[in-house]
Amino acid sequence: MDHLCGNGRVLSKHKQIPGLIQNMTVRCCELPYPEQACCGEEEKLAFIEDLCGPRRNSWKDPALCCTLSPGDKQANCFNTNYLRNVALVAGDTGNATGLGQQGPTGGTNVGPAPGSKEE
C-alpha cells in the first residue's frame, strides 16, 4: 500500500485494474499504516466480487477466475493473472489544474466506456 498511496500512475493492460487501485487508495491511504494492508485486501476482494457478480458481462475473463469459488482460489487467480504485472510509475503530478479529475495516486481517473469489453 505504501507504493499505491504515493504519487504515481498505474499501468496495466487490464482496463479494470486502475478502478481497483483507485478504490484501494481512496478508502485505505488515510488509515494508519498497519491497517492499510488489511483494508487493501478487503477492497480487492470486494472489487473481485463485484467484477464476478453484477459486472461479470462488462469485461473479458480469459483466465476464468470468475468461474472459481469466491475466496482464496479466486483471489489467487486474480493476483496471478491480472494483478501480478501491474506497473506503478512514480512521479510528481505538479499543478494538476485543468488536467481532468485526479485520483489519489496522481493518475487521471479514466474508466472504460459503459458496456465496453476489456480486450
N, C-alpha and C. Protein backbone atom coordinates (compact mmCIF):
# COMPACT_ATOMS: atom_id res chain seq x y z
N MET A 1 0.83 -1.19 0.00
CA MET A 1 0.00 0.00 0.00
C MET A 1 0.87 1.25 0.00
N ASP A 2 2.05 1.16 0.54
CA ASP A 2 2.93 2.32 0.60
C ASP A 2 3.17 2.88 -0.80
N HIS A 3 3.40 2.01 -1.78
CA HIS A 3 3.63 2.46 -3.15
C HIS A 3 2.36 3.04 -3.76
N LEU A 4 1.22 2.45 -3.47
CA LEU A 4 -0.04 2.92 -4.05
C LEU A 4 -0.46 4.27 -3.49
N CYS A 5 -0.09 4.56 -2.26
CA CYS A 5 -0.52 5.80 -1.61
C CYS A 5 0.35 7.00 -1.98
N GLY A 6 1.43 6.78 -2.69
CA GLY A 6 2.29 7.88 -3.12
C GLY A 6 1.83 8.43 -4.46
N ASN A 7 2.58 9.37 -4.99
CA ASN A 7 2.27 9.91 -6.31
C ASN A 7 2.75 8.93 -7.36
N GLY A 8 1.87 8.58 -8.25
CA GLY A 8 2.25 7.65 -9.30
C GLY A 8 1.09 7.37 -10.21
N ARG A 9 1.34 6.60 -11.22
CA ARG A 9 0.32 6.23 -12.19
C ARG A 9 0.38 4.72 -12.35
N VAL A 10 -0.78 4.11 -12.49
CA VAL A 10 -0.89 2.67 -12.64
C VAL A 10 -0.90 2.33 -14.12
N LEU A 11 -0.05 1.40 -14.52
CA LEU A 11 -0.04 0.91 -15.90
C LEU A 11 -0.41 -0.56 -15.89
N SER A 12 -1.47 -0.88 -16.63
CA SER A 12 -1.93 -2.25 -16.71
C SER A 12 -2.61 -2.47 -18.04
N LYS A 13 -2.47 -3.66 -18.61
CA LYS A 13 -3.17 -3.95 -19.86
C LYS A 13 -4.63 -4.31 -19.59
N HIS A 14 -5.00 -4.45 -18.34
CA HIS A 14 -6.37 -4.78 -17.96
C HIS A 14 -7.10 -3.51 -17.54
N LYS A 15 -8.16 -3.17 -18.24
CA LYS A 15 -8.86 -1.90 -18.05
C LYS A 15 -9.49 -1.74 -16.67
N GLN A 16 -9.77 -2.83 -15.98
CA GLN A 16 -10.43 -2.75 -14.68
C GLN A 16 -9.47 -2.41 -13.55
N ILE A 17 -8.19 -2.65 -13.71
CA ILE A 17 -7.21 -2.51 -12.63
C ILE A 17 -7.10 -1.08 -12.09
N PRO A 18 -7.05 -0.04 -12.92
CA PRO A 18 -7.00 1.31 -12.33
C PRO A 18 -8.18 1.62 -11.41
N GLY A 19 -9.35 1.09 -11.71
CA GLY A 19 -10.51 1.27 -10.83
C GLY A 19 -10.30 0.61 -9.48
N LEU A 20 -9.71 -0.58 -9.49
CA LEU A 20 -9.39 -1.26 -8.24
C LEU A 20 -8.39 -0.45 -7.44
N ILE A 21 -7.35 0.04 -8.08
CA ILE A 21 -6.33 0.82 -7.38
C ILE A 21 -6.95 2.09 -6.81
N GLN A 22 -7.82 2.73 -7.57
CA GLN A 22 -8.48 3.94 -7.07
C GLN A 22 -9.32 3.62 -5.83
N ASN A 23 -10.09 2.54 -5.87
CA ASN A 23 -10.89 2.15 -4.71
C ASN A 23 -10.01 1.92 -3.49
N MET A 24 -8.89 1.25 -3.70
CA MET A 24 -7.98 0.95 -2.59
C MET A 24 -7.38 2.22 -2.00
N THR A 25 -6.94 3.13 -2.85
CA THR A 25 -6.28 4.33 -2.34
C THR A 25 -7.26 5.28 -1.67
N VAL A 26 -8.44 5.45 -2.25
CA VAL A 26 -9.42 6.36 -1.66
C VAL A 26 -9.81 5.91 -0.26
N ARG A 27 -10.03 4.63 -0.09
CA ARG A 27 -10.50 4.12 1.20
C ARG A 27 -9.37 3.85 2.19
N CYS A 28 -8.22 3.42 1.71
CA CYS A 28 -7.21 2.88 2.61
C CYS A 28 -6.03 3.80 2.92
N CYS A 29 -5.70 4.71 2.06
CA CYS A 29 -4.48 5.52 2.27
C CYS A 29 -4.57 6.47 3.45
N GLU A 30 -5.77 6.83 3.86
CA GLU A 30 -5.92 7.73 5.00
C GLU A 30 -5.80 6.99 6.34
N LEU A 31 -5.83 5.67 6.30
CA LEU A 31 -5.74 4.87 7.52
C LEU A 31 -4.31 4.81 8.03
N PRO A 32 -4.13 4.52 9.32
CA PRO A 32 -2.77 4.32 9.85
C PRO A 32 -2.10 3.16 9.10
N TYR A 33 -0.79 3.24 8.97
CA TYR A 33 -0.02 2.27 8.19
C TYR A 33 -0.37 0.81 8.49
N PRO A 34 -0.46 0.37 9.75
CA PRO A 34 -0.73 -1.06 9.99
C PRO A 34 -2.07 -1.54 9.44
N GLU A 35 -3.03 -0.64 9.29
CA GLU A 35 -4.37 -1.02 8.83
C GLU A 35 -4.50 -0.98 7.31
N GLN A 36 -3.56 -0.36 6.63
CA GLN A 36 -3.67 -0.18 5.18
C GLN A 36 -3.68 -1.50 4.42
N ALA A 37 -2.84 -2.44 4.79
CA ALA A 37 -2.76 -3.71 4.07
C ALA A 37 -4.06 -4.50 4.17
N CYS A 38 -4.62 -4.58 5.37
CA CYS A 38 -5.90 -5.29 5.55
C CYS A 38 -7.00 -4.61 4.75
N CYS A 39 -7.02 -3.29 4.80
CA CYS A 39 -8.01 -2.52 4.06
C CYS A 39 -7.87 -2.78 2.56
N GLY A 40 -6.64 -2.77 2.07
CA GLY A 40 -6.39 -3.02 0.65
C GLY A 40 -6.86 -4.39 0.22
N GLU A 41 -6.61 -5.38 1.05
CA GLU A 41 -7.05 -6.74 0.74
C GLU A 41 -8.57 -6.83 0.72
N GLU A 42 -9.23 -6.18 1.68
CA GLU A 42 -10.70 -6.15 1.71
C GLU A 42 -11.26 -5.48 0.46
N GLU A 43 -10.66 -4.37 0.05
CA GLU A 43 -11.10 -3.67 -1.15
C GLU A 43 -10.92 -4.53 -2.39
N LYS A 44 -9.79 -5.24 -2.46
CA LYS A 44 -9.53 -6.11 -3.60
C LYS A 44 -10.58 -7.21 -3.67
N LEU A 45 -10.88 -7.84 -2.55
CA LEU A 45 -11.88 -8.91 -2.54
C LEU A 45 -13.26 -8.39 -2.92
N ALA A 46 -13.62 -7.20 -2.44
CA ALA A 46 -14.92 -6.61 -2.79
C ALA A 46 -14.97 -6.28 -4.28
N PHE A 47 -13.87 -5.80 -4.83
CA PHE A 47 -13.81 -5.46 -6.24
C PHE A 47 -13.94 -6.73 -7.09
N ILE A 48 -13.26 -7.80 -6.69
CA ILE A 48 -13.36 -9.07 -7.41
C ILE A 48 -14.79 -9.59 -7.35
N GLU A 49 -15.40 -9.50 -6.19
CA GLU A 49 -16.79 -9.95 -6.04
C GLU A 49 -17.71 -9.17 -6.98
N ASP A 50 -17.49 -7.87 -7.10
CA ASP A 50 -18.29 -7.04 -8.00
C ASP A 50 -18.03 -7.40 -9.46
N LEU A 51 -16.76 -7.58 -9.82
CA LEU A 51 -16.42 -7.94 -11.21
C LEU A 51 -16.98 -9.29 -11.60
N CYS A 52 -17.02 -10.22 -10.67
CA CYS A 52 -17.50 -11.57 -10.97
C CYS A 52 -19.00 -11.70 -10.71
N GLY A 53 -19.62 -10.65 -10.19
CA GLY A 53 -21.05 -10.66 -9.92
C GLY A 53 -21.78 -9.74 -10.88
N PRO A 54 -22.23 -8.58 -10.37
CA PRO A 54 -23.03 -7.67 -11.19
C PRO A 54 -22.35 -7.18 -12.46
N ARG A 55 -21.04 -7.08 -12.47
CA ARG A 55 -20.32 -6.56 -13.64
C ARG A 55 -19.68 -7.67 -14.48
N ARG A 56 -20.10 -8.90 -14.28
CA ARG A 56 -19.49 -10.05 -14.93
C ARG A 56 -19.44 -9.91 -16.45
N ASN A 57 -20.48 -9.36 -17.06
CA ASN A 57 -20.53 -9.25 -18.52
C ASN A 57 -19.89 -7.98 -19.06
N SER A 58 -19.27 -7.18 -18.19
CA SER A 58 -18.68 -5.91 -18.63
C SER A 58 -17.20 -6.04 -18.99
N TRP A 59 -16.64 -7.23 -18.85
CA TRP A 59 -15.22 -7.42 -19.13
C TRP A 59 -14.95 -8.87 -19.50
N LYS A 60 -13.82 -9.10 -20.14
CA LYS A 60 -13.42 -10.46 -20.50
C LYS A 60 -12.56 -11.03 -19.39
N ASP A 61 -12.75 -12.30 -19.11
CA ASP A 61 -12.00 -13.00 -18.06
C ASP A 61 -11.31 -14.21 -18.69
N PRO A 62 -10.25 -13.97 -19.48
CA PRO A 62 -9.61 -15.09 -20.18
C PRO A 62 -9.03 -16.15 -19.25
N ALA A 63 -8.69 -15.79 -18.02
CA ALA A 63 -8.15 -16.76 -17.07
C ALA A 63 -9.25 -17.53 -16.35
N LEU A 64 -10.50 -17.15 -16.59
CA LEU A 64 -11.67 -17.81 -15.99
C LEU A 64 -11.65 -17.76 -14.47
N CYS A 65 -11.13 -16.68 -13.91
CA CYS A 65 -11.09 -16.53 -12.45
C CYS A 65 -12.49 -16.49 -11.85
N CYS A 66 -13.44 -15.90 -12.58
CA CYS A 66 -14.79 -15.77 -12.04
C CYS A 66 -15.53 -17.09 -11.95
N THR A 67 -15.02 -18.13 -12.62
CA THR A 67 -15.67 -19.44 -12.53
C THR A 67 -15.26 -20.18 -11.26
N LEU A 68 -14.22 -19.69 -10.58
CA LEU A 68 -13.75 -20.31 -9.34
C LEU A 68 -14.62 -19.87 -8.17
N SER A 69 -14.59 -20.64 -7.10
CA SER A 69 -15.33 -20.28 -5.90
C SER A 69 -14.76 -19.00 -5.31
N PRO A 70 -15.65 -18.08 -4.89
CA PRO A 70 -15.16 -16.85 -4.25
C PRO A 70 -14.29 -17.18 -3.04
N GLY A 71 -13.29 -16.37 -2.82
CA GLY A 71 -12.38 -16.59 -1.70
C GLY A 71 -10.96 -16.69 -2.18
N ASP A 72 -10.18 -17.51 -1.49
CA ASP A 72 -8.74 -17.59 -1.75
C ASP A 72 -8.39 -18.02 -3.17
N LYS A 73 -9.07 -19.04 -3.71
CA LYS A 73 -8.73 -19.52 -5.06
C LYS A 73 -8.99 -18.43 -6.10
N GLN A 74 -10.12 -17.76 -5.96
CA GLN A 74 -10.45 -16.69 -6.90
C GLN A 74 -9.48 -15.52 -6.77
N ALA A 75 -9.17 -15.12 -5.54
CA ALA A 75 -8.23 -14.03 -5.31
C ALA A 75 -6.84 -14.38 -5.84
N ASN A 76 -6.39 -15.61 -5.62
CA ASN A 76 -5.09 -16.04 -6.14
C ASN A 76 -5.05 -16.01 -7.66
N CYS A 77 -6.16 -16.39 -8.28
CA CYS A 77 -6.26 -16.35 -9.74
C CYS A 77 -6.12 -14.91 -10.24
N PHE A 78 -6.83 -13.97 -9.60
CA PHE A 78 -6.72 -12.56 -9.98
C PHE A 78 -5.30 -12.05 -9.74
N ASN A 79 -4.71 -12.42 -8.61
CA ASN A 79 -3.34 -11.98 -8.32
C ASN A 79 -2.38 -12.45 -9.42
N THR A 80 -2.47 -13.72 -9.77
CA THR A 80 -1.56 -14.32 -10.74
C THR A 80 -1.79 -13.81 -12.15
N ASN A 81 -3.05 -13.71 -12.55
CA ASN A 81 -3.35 -13.42 -13.95
C ASN A 81 -3.58 -11.95 -14.29
N TYR A 82 -4.02 -11.16 -13.32
CA TYR A 82 -4.37 -9.77 -13.63
C TYR A 82 -3.58 -8.74 -12.83
N LEU A 83 -3.15 -9.06 -11.64
CA LEU A 83 -2.50 -8.06 -10.79
C LEU A 83 -0.98 -8.17 -10.76
N ARG A 84 -0.45 -9.31 -11.09
CA ARG A 84 0.99 -9.55 -10.98
C ARG A 84 1.81 -8.60 -11.84
N ASN A 85 1.32 -8.25 -13.01
CA ASN A 85 2.10 -7.44 -13.94
C ASN A 85 1.70 -5.97 -13.97
N VAL A 86 1.07 -5.50 -12.91
CA VAL A 86 0.72 -4.08 -12.83
C VAL A 86 1.98 -3.29 -12.52
N ALA A 87 2.19 -2.23 -13.25
CA ALA A 87 3.37 -1.38 -13.03
C ALA A 87 2.92 -0.05 -12.44
N LEU A 88 3.70 0.45 -11.49
CA LEU A 88 3.46 1.77 -10.91
C LEU A 88 4.58 2.67 -11.37
N VAL A 89 4.21 3.79 -11.95
CA VAL A 89 5.19 4.76 -12.40
C VAL A 89 5.15 5.93 -11.44
N ALA A 90 6.24 6.15 -10.73
CA ALA A 90 6.30 7.23 -9.75
C ALA A 90 6.51 8.55 -10.46
N GLY A 91 6.01 9.60 -9.83
CA GLY A 91 6.22 10.92 -10.42
C GLY A 91 5.51 11.98 -9.63
N ASP A 92 5.90 13.21 -9.85
CA ASP A 92 5.27 14.36 -9.22
C ASP A 92 4.20 14.86 -10.16
N THR A 93 2.98 14.99 -9.66
CA THR A 93 1.88 15.44 -10.50
C THR A 93 1.90 16.93 -10.71
N GLY A 94 2.67 17.67 -9.91
CA GLY A 94 2.76 19.12 -10.08
C GLY A 94 1.40 19.77 -9.92
N ASN A 95 1.16 20.82 -10.66
CA ASN A 95 -0.12 21.51 -10.62
C ASN A 95 -1.08 20.79 -11.54
N ALA A 96 -2.08 20.14 -10.98
CA ALA A 96 -3.00 19.31 -11.76
C ALA A 96 -4.18 20.09 -12.30
N THR A 97 -4.22 21.40 -12.14
CA THR A 97 -5.35 22.20 -12.60
C THR A 97 -5.56 22.01 -14.09
N GLY A 98 -6.81 21.70 -14.45
CA GLY A 98 -7.16 21.58 -15.85
C GLY A 98 -6.76 20.27 -16.50
N LEU A 99 -6.29 19.32 -15.74
CA LEU A 99 -5.85 18.05 -16.31
C LEU A 99 -6.88 16.95 -16.16
N GLY A 100 -8.07 17.28 -15.80
CA GLY A 100 -9.07 16.24 -15.58
C GLY A 100 -9.14 15.90 -14.11
N GLN A 101 -9.99 14.98 -13.77
CA GLN A 101 -10.14 14.57 -12.37
C GLN A 101 -8.93 13.75 -11.96
N GLN A 102 -8.25 14.17 -10.92
CA GLN A 102 -7.06 13.47 -10.47
C GLN A 102 -7.41 12.49 -9.36
N GLY A 103 -6.97 11.25 -9.50
CA GLY A 103 -7.17 10.25 -8.47
C GLY A 103 -6.11 10.40 -7.40
N PRO A 104 -6.28 9.70 -6.28
CA PRO A 104 -5.35 9.79 -5.17
C PRO A 104 -3.94 9.35 -5.52
N THR A 105 -3.77 8.55 -6.55
CA THR A 105 -2.43 8.12 -6.94
C THR A 105 -1.80 9.09 -7.91
N GLY A 106 -2.51 10.18 -8.24
CA GLY A 106 -1.97 11.17 -9.15
C GLY A 106 -2.33 10.91 -10.59
N GLY A 107 -2.96 9.79 -10.89
CA GLY A 107 -3.37 9.50 -12.26
C GLY A 107 -4.75 10.04 -12.55
N THR A 108 -5.01 10.32 -13.80
CA THR A 108 -6.33 10.81 -14.17
C THR A 108 -7.29 9.64 -14.13
N ASN A 109 -8.47 9.86 -13.55
CA ASN A 109 -9.46 8.80 -13.44
C ASN A 109 -10.12 8.61 -14.80
N VAL A 110 -9.88 7.48 -15.42
CA VAL A 110 -10.47 7.16 -16.70
C VAL A 110 -10.98 5.74 -16.60
N GLY A 111 -12.26 5.55 -16.85
CA GLY A 111 -12.83 4.22 -16.80
C GLY A 111 -13.23 3.78 -18.19
N PRO A 112 -13.49 2.51 -18.37
CA PRO A 112 -13.93 2.03 -19.67
C PRO A 112 -15.31 2.58 -19.98
N ALA A 113 -15.62 2.73 -21.24
CA ALA A 113 -16.93 3.20 -21.64
C ALA A 113 -17.98 2.20 -21.18
N PRO A 114 -19.17 2.69 -20.78
CA PRO A 114 -20.21 1.76 -20.35
C PRO A 114 -20.49 0.74 -21.43
N GLY A 115 -20.55 -0.50 -21.03
CA GLY A 115 -20.85 -1.58 -21.94
C GLY A 115 -19.66 -2.07 -22.74
N SER A 116 -18.50 -1.46 -22.56
CA SER A 116 -17.33 -1.90 -23.32
C SER A 116 -16.76 -3.16 -22.69
N LYS A 117 -16.12 -3.95 -23.51
CA LYS A 117 -15.49 -5.17 -23.02
C LYS A 117 -13.99 -4.97 -23.01
N GLU A 118 -13.35 -5.55 -22.00
CA GLU A 118 -11.90 -5.46 -21.92
C GLU A 118 -11.29 -6.36 -22.98
N GLU A 119 -10.21 -5.91 -23.58
CA GLU A 119 -9.54 -6.73 -24.59
C GLU A 119 -8.50 -7.60 -23.97
